[in-house]
């Protein structure tokens, strides 16, 4: 994943409403959740929710699937895992060789 993609992921999650939406998508699991349920739980207008879901989808953090007349959104946790791995590997030096302890 290129750095621009990580930036997109972090930008999408750096807003309180989108972070709340993503967390609800994660809790919903593989079955996903209908936007009407999300709007109700978050007490958010549907057009505002639609805007946030579009940004999360664009960032690769969720995807939608139509089942009949209903649309369901599912979290794509791989994007967050990859971004966290990127931070730990490249930003924090977590992969540095451990220093030998003097005994």
N, C-alpha and C. Protein backbone atom coordinates (compact mmCIF):
# COMPACT_ATOMS: atom_id res chain seq x y z
N UNK A 1 0.85 -1.18 0.00
CA UNK A 1 0.00 0.00 0.00
C UNK A 1 0.89 1.24 0.00
N UNK A 2 0.57 2.18 -0.83
CA UNK A 2 1.36 3.40 -0.91
C UNK A 2 1.00 4.34 0.23
N UNK A 3 1.90 5.22 0.57
CA UNK A 3 1.70 6.13 1.70
C UNK A 3 0.44 6.98 1.53
N UNK A 4 0.09 7.34 0.30
CA UNK A 4 -1.11 8.14 0.08
C UNK A 4 -2.36 7.39 0.52
N UNK A 5 -2.36 6.08 0.35
CA UNK A 5 -3.51 5.27 0.78
C UNK A 5 -3.60 5.27 2.30
N UNK A 6 -2.47 5.18 2.99
CA UNK A 6 -2.49 5.24 4.46
C UNK A 6 -3.01 6.60 4.92
N UNK A 7 -2.59 7.65 4.25
CA UNK A 7 -3.06 8.99 4.60
C UNK A 7 -4.58 9.05 4.46
N UNK A 8 -5.11 8.48 3.40
CA UNK A 8 -6.55 8.46 3.18
C UNK A 8 -7.27 7.71 4.30
N UNK A 9 -6.71 6.59 4.72
CA UNK A 9 -7.30 5.80 5.81
C UNK A 9 -7.30 6.62 7.10
N UNK A 10 -6.16 7.22 7.44
CA UNK A 10 -6.08 7.99 8.68
C UNK A 10 -6.96 9.23 8.63
N UNK A 11 -7.03 9.88 7.48
CA UNK A 11 -7.91 11.05 7.35
C UNK A 11 -9.36 10.67 7.57
N UNK A 12 -9.76 9.54 7.01
CA UNK A 12 -11.15 9.10 7.15
C UNK A 12 -11.49 8.81 8.60
N UNK A 13 -10.57 8.23 9.33
CA UNK A 13 -10.84 7.87 10.73
C UNK A 13 -10.58 9.02 11.71
N UNK A 14 -10.04 10.11 11.22
CA UNK A 14 -9.68 11.23 12.09
C UNK A 14 -10.85 12.16 12.36
N UNK A 15 -12.04 11.74 12.06
CA UNK A 15 -13.24 12.53 12.27
C UNK A 15 -14.18 11.71 13.16
N UNK A 16 -14.71 12.31 14.21
CA UNK A 16 -15.46 11.59 15.24
C UNK A 16 -16.65 10.78 14.68
N UNK A 17 -17.44 11.37 13.81
CA UNK A 17 -18.61 10.66 13.28
C UNK A 17 -18.18 9.43 12.48
N UNK A 18 -17.16 9.59 11.65
CA UNK A 18 -16.71 8.45 10.83
C UNK A 18 -16.10 7.36 11.70
N UNK A 19 -15.41 7.75 12.75
CA UNK A 19 -14.83 6.75 13.65
C UNK A 19 -15.95 5.98 14.35
N UNK A 20 -17.00 6.67 14.78
CA UNK A 20 -18.15 6.01 15.40
C UNK A 20 -18.83 5.07 14.41
N UNK A 21 -18.99 5.51 13.18
CA UNK A 21 -19.60 4.67 12.14
C UNK A 21 -18.77 3.42 11.93
N UNK A 22 -17.46 3.60 11.78
CA UNK A 22 -16.58 2.45 11.54
C UNK A 22 -16.67 1.46 12.70
N UNK A 23 -16.67 1.95 13.92
CA UNK A 23 -16.75 1.05 15.08
C UNK A 23 -18.06 0.28 15.09
N UNK A 24 -19.16 0.92 14.70
CA UNK A 24 -20.43 0.20 14.61
C UNK A 24 -20.40 -0.85 13.50
N UNK A 25 -19.74 -0.53 12.40
CA UNK A 25 -19.59 -1.51 11.32
C UNK A 25 -18.78 -2.72 11.79
N UNK A 26 -17.74 -2.47 12.55
CA UNK A 26 -16.92 -3.56 13.09
C UNK A 26 -17.77 -4.44 14.01
N UNK A 27 -18.54 -3.80 14.89
CA UNK A 27 -19.40 -4.55 15.82
C UNK A 27 -20.45 -5.37 15.08
N UNK A 28 -20.92 -4.88 13.95
CA UNK A 28 -21.94 -5.59 13.17
C UNK A 28 -21.39 -6.88 12.57
N UNK A 29 -20.09 -6.94 12.38
CA UNK A 29 -19.47 -8.15 11.85
C UNK A 29 -19.78 -8.40 10.39
N UNK A 30 -19.69 -9.66 10.02
CA UNK A 30 -19.84 -10.07 8.63
C UNK A 30 -21.22 -9.87 8.04
N UNK A 31 -22.23 -9.76 8.89
CA UNK A 31 -23.58 -9.54 8.38
C UNK A 31 -23.77 -8.12 7.87
N UNK A 32 -22.95 -7.21 8.36
CA UNK A 32 -23.10 -5.82 7.95
C UNK A 32 -24.26 -5.16 8.66
N UNK A 33 -24.50 -3.93 8.30
CA UNK A 33 -25.57 -3.16 8.94
C UNK A 33 -26.17 -2.20 7.92
N UNK A 34 -27.46 -2.02 8.02
CA UNK A 34 -28.20 -1.15 7.11
C UNK A 34 -27.98 0.32 7.51
N UNK A 35 -27.82 1.22 6.56
CA UNK A 35 -27.63 2.63 6.89
C UNK A 35 -28.75 3.21 7.75
N UNK A 36 -29.97 2.73 7.58
CA UNK A 36 -31.07 3.25 8.40
C UNK A 36 -30.85 2.92 9.88
N UNK A 37 -30.28 1.78 10.16
CA UNK A 37 -29.97 1.40 11.55
C UNK A 37 -28.82 2.26 12.07
N UNK A 38 -27.81 2.47 11.25
CA UNK A 38 -26.71 3.34 11.65
C UNK A 38 -27.21 4.75 11.97
N UNK A 39 -28.05 5.29 11.10
CA UNK A 39 -28.57 6.64 11.29
C UNK A 39 -29.35 6.73 12.60
N UNK A 40 -30.12 5.71 12.88
CA UNK A 40 -30.91 5.70 14.11
C UNK A 40 -30.02 5.63 15.35
N UNK A 41 -29.04 4.73 15.32
CA UNK A 41 -28.15 4.57 16.48
C UNK A 41 -27.31 5.81 16.74
N UNK A 42 -26.90 6.46 15.68
CA UNK A 42 -26.05 7.64 15.82
C UNK A 42 -26.84 8.95 15.89
N UNK A 43 -28.16 8.84 15.71
CA UNK A 43 -29.01 10.04 15.68
C UNK A 43 -28.45 11.05 14.68
N UNK A 44 -28.22 10.53 13.46
CA UNK A 44 -27.58 11.31 12.40
C UNK A 44 -28.51 11.35 11.19
N UNK A 45 -28.66 12.51 10.56
CA UNK A 45 -29.46 12.56 9.33
C UNK A 45 -28.88 11.62 8.27
N UNK A 46 -29.76 11.02 7.51
CA UNK A 46 -29.32 10.02 6.52
C UNK A 46 -28.41 10.61 5.45
N UNK A 47 -28.64 11.86 5.06
CA UNK A 47 -27.77 12.44 4.03
C UNK A 47 -26.36 12.67 4.59
N UNK A 48 -26.26 13.02 5.87
CA UNK A 48 -24.95 13.18 6.51
C UNK A 48 -24.25 11.83 6.61
N UNK A 49 -25.00 10.81 7.03
CA UNK A 49 -24.46 9.46 7.12
C UNK A 49 -23.97 8.99 5.76
N UNK A 50 -24.73 9.26 4.72
CA UNK A 50 -24.36 8.86 3.36
C UNK A 50 -23.02 9.48 2.96
N UNK A 51 -22.83 10.75 3.30
CA UNK A 51 -21.57 11.44 3.02
C UNK A 51 -20.41 10.73 3.71
N UNK A 52 -20.59 10.41 5.00
CA UNK A 52 -19.52 9.76 5.76
C UNK A 52 -19.24 8.34 5.25
N UNK A 53 -20.29 7.61 4.92
CA UNK A 53 -20.10 6.26 4.38
C UNK A 53 -19.37 6.29 3.05
N UNK A 54 -19.64 7.30 2.24
CA UNK A 54 -18.94 7.43 0.96
C UNK A 54 -17.44 7.64 1.18
N UNK A 55 -17.09 8.46 2.15
CA UNK A 55 -15.67 8.69 2.45
C UNK A 55 -15.01 7.44 3.00
N UNK A 56 -15.71 6.73 3.88
CA UNK A 56 -15.16 5.48 4.43
C UNK A 56 -14.98 4.44 3.32
N UNK A 57 -15.92 4.39 2.41
CA UNK A 57 -15.82 3.45 1.28
C UNK A 57 -14.65 3.82 0.38
N UNK A 58 -14.52 5.10 0.10
CA UNK A 58 -13.42 5.60 -0.74
C UNK A 58 -12.05 5.26 -0.13
N UNK A 59 -11.98 5.29 1.21
CA UNK A 59 -10.74 4.98 1.90
C UNK A 59 -10.49 3.49 2.02
N UNK A 60 -11.45 2.68 1.59
CA UNK A 60 -11.30 1.23 1.66
C UNK A 60 -11.63 0.67 3.04
N UNK A 61 -12.30 1.45 3.87
CA UNK A 61 -12.61 1.03 5.24
C UNK A 61 -13.94 0.30 5.36
N UNK A 62 -14.76 0.40 4.34
CA UNK A 62 -16.01 -0.36 4.32
C UNK A 62 -16.42 -0.59 2.88
N UNK A 63 -17.38 -1.47 2.73
CA UNK A 63 -17.95 -1.70 1.40
C UNK A 63 -19.43 -1.98 1.58
N UNK A 64 -20.15 -1.79 0.53
CA UNK A 64 -21.60 -2.00 0.59
C UNK A 64 -21.99 -3.17 -0.29
N UNK A 65 -23.10 -3.77 0.08
CA UNK A 65 -23.66 -4.87 -0.71
C UNK A 65 -25.17 -4.74 -0.68
N UNK A 66 -25.77 -4.86 -1.84
CA UNK A 66 -27.22 -4.76 -1.94
C UNK A 66 -27.82 -6.15 -1.79
N UNK A 67 -28.82 -6.24 -0.89
CA UNK A 67 -29.59 -7.48 -0.72
C UNK A 67 -31.05 -7.11 -0.92
N UNK A 68 -31.56 -7.40 -2.10
CA UNK A 68 -32.92 -7.00 -2.42
C UNK A 68 -32.99 -5.48 -2.51
N UNK A 69 -33.88 -4.90 -1.74
CA UNK A 69 -34.02 -3.44 -1.74
C UNK A 69 -33.10 -2.78 -0.72
N UNK A 70 -32.47 -3.57 0.12
CA UNK A 70 -31.66 -3.02 1.20
C UNK A 70 -30.17 -3.02 0.88
N UNK A 71 -29.52 -2.03 1.41
CA UNK A 71 -28.07 -1.88 1.27
C UNK A 71 -27.45 -2.16 2.63
N UNK A 72 -26.39 -2.96 2.67
CA UNK A 72 -25.70 -3.27 3.92
C UNK A 72 -24.24 -2.88 3.78
N UNK A 73 -23.71 -2.29 4.82
CA UNK A 73 -22.30 -1.91 4.85
C UNK A 73 -21.55 -2.82 5.80
N UNK A 74 -20.33 -3.17 5.41
CA UNK A 74 -19.45 -4.01 6.23
C UNK A 74 -18.09 -3.34 6.37
N UNK A 75 -17.52 -3.45 7.54
CA UNK A 75 -16.18 -2.93 7.77
C UNK A 75 -15.17 -3.77 7.01
N UNK A 76 -14.15 -3.12 6.53
CA UNK A 76 -13.03 -3.78 5.88
C UNK A 76 -11.82 -3.58 6.80
N UNK A 77 -11.71 -4.46 7.77
CA UNK A 77 -10.70 -4.30 8.83
C UNK A 77 -9.27 -4.43 8.32
N UNK A 78 -9.10 -5.03 7.17
CA UNK A 78 -7.76 -5.18 6.61
C UNK A 78 -7.07 -3.84 6.36
N UNK A 79 -7.84 -2.83 6.00
CA UNK A 79 -7.26 -1.51 5.75
C UNK A 79 -6.70 -0.92 7.04
N UNK A 80 -7.43 -1.10 8.14
CA UNK A 80 -6.96 -0.58 9.43
C UNK A 80 -5.76 -1.39 9.91
N UNK A 81 -5.82 -2.70 9.73
CA UNK A 81 -4.69 -3.56 10.13
C UNK A 81 -3.43 -3.18 9.38
N UNK A 82 -3.56 -2.96 8.08
CA UNK A 82 -2.39 -2.57 7.27
C UNK A 82 -1.85 -1.22 7.71
N UNK A 83 -2.74 -0.28 8.01
CA UNK A 83 -2.30 1.05 8.45
C UNK A 83 -1.60 0.97 9.81
N UNK A 84 -2.14 0.17 10.72
CA UNK A 84 -1.52 0.00 12.04
C UNK A 84 -0.15 -0.66 11.90
N UNK A 85 -0.07 -1.64 11.03
CA UNK A 85 1.21 -2.31 10.79
C UNK A 85 2.23 -1.32 10.22
N UNK A 86 1.77 -0.48 9.31
CA UNK A 86 2.63 0.55 8.73
C UNK A 86 3.19 1.46 9.83
N UNK A 87 2.33 1.91 10.73
CA UNK A 87 2.78 2.79 11.81
C UNK A 87 3.78 2.10 12.71
N UNK A 88 3.48 0.89 13.09
CA UNK A 88 4.37 0.18 14.01
C UNK A 88 5.70 -0.17 13.36
N UNK A 89 5.66 -0.50 12.10
CA UNK A 89 6.89 -0.90 11.41
C UNK A 89 7.76 0.30 11.05
N UNK A 90 7.16 1.31 10.44
CA UNK A 90 7.94 2.41 9.89
C UNK A 90 8.07 3.63 10.78
N UNK A 91 7.13 3.83 11.69
CA UNK A 91 7.13 5.06 12.47
C UNK A 91 7.66 4.90 13.88
N UNK A 92 7.49 3.75 14.44
CA UNK A 92 7.81 3.59 15.86
C UNK A 92 9.08 2.79 16.11
N UNK A 93 9.68 2.26 15.09
CA UNK A 93 10.90 1.48 15.27
C UNK A 93 10.68 0.18 16.02
N UNK A 94 9.48 -0.36 15.94
CA UNK A 94 9.17 -1.58 16.68
C UNK A 94 9.88 -2.81 16.13
N UNK A 95 10.41 -2.71 14.95
CA UNK A 95 11.09 -3.86 14.36
C UNK A 95 12.61 -3.76 14.49
N UNK A 96 13.06 -2.85 15.33
CA UNK A 96 14.50 -2.76 15.56
C UNK A 96 14.97 -4.00 16.31
N UNK A 97 16.18 -4.43 16.04
CA UNK A 97 16.69 -5.59 16.81
C UNK A 97 16.77 -5.22 18.28
N UNK A 98 16.37 -6.17 19.11
CA UNK A 98 16.42 -5.92 20.55
C UNK A 98 17.86 -5.89 21.02
N UNK A 99 18.14 -4.96 21.90
CA UNK A 99 19.49 -4.86 22.44
C UNK A 99 19.72 -6.01 23.40
N UNK A 100 20.93 -6.50 23.41
CA UNK A 100 21.27 -7.58 24.34
C UNK A 100 21.33 -7.00 25.75
N UNK A 101 20.75 -7.74 26.65
CA UNK A 101 20.76 -7.29 28.04
C UNK A 101 22.04 -7.74 28.70
N UNK A 102 22.60 -6.87 29.50
CA UNK A 102 23.77 -7.23 30.30
C UNK A 102 23.32 -7.97 31.55
N UNK A 103 23.87 -9.13 31.75
CA UNK A 103 23.49 -9.92 32.93
C UNK A 103 24.58 -9.91 33.93
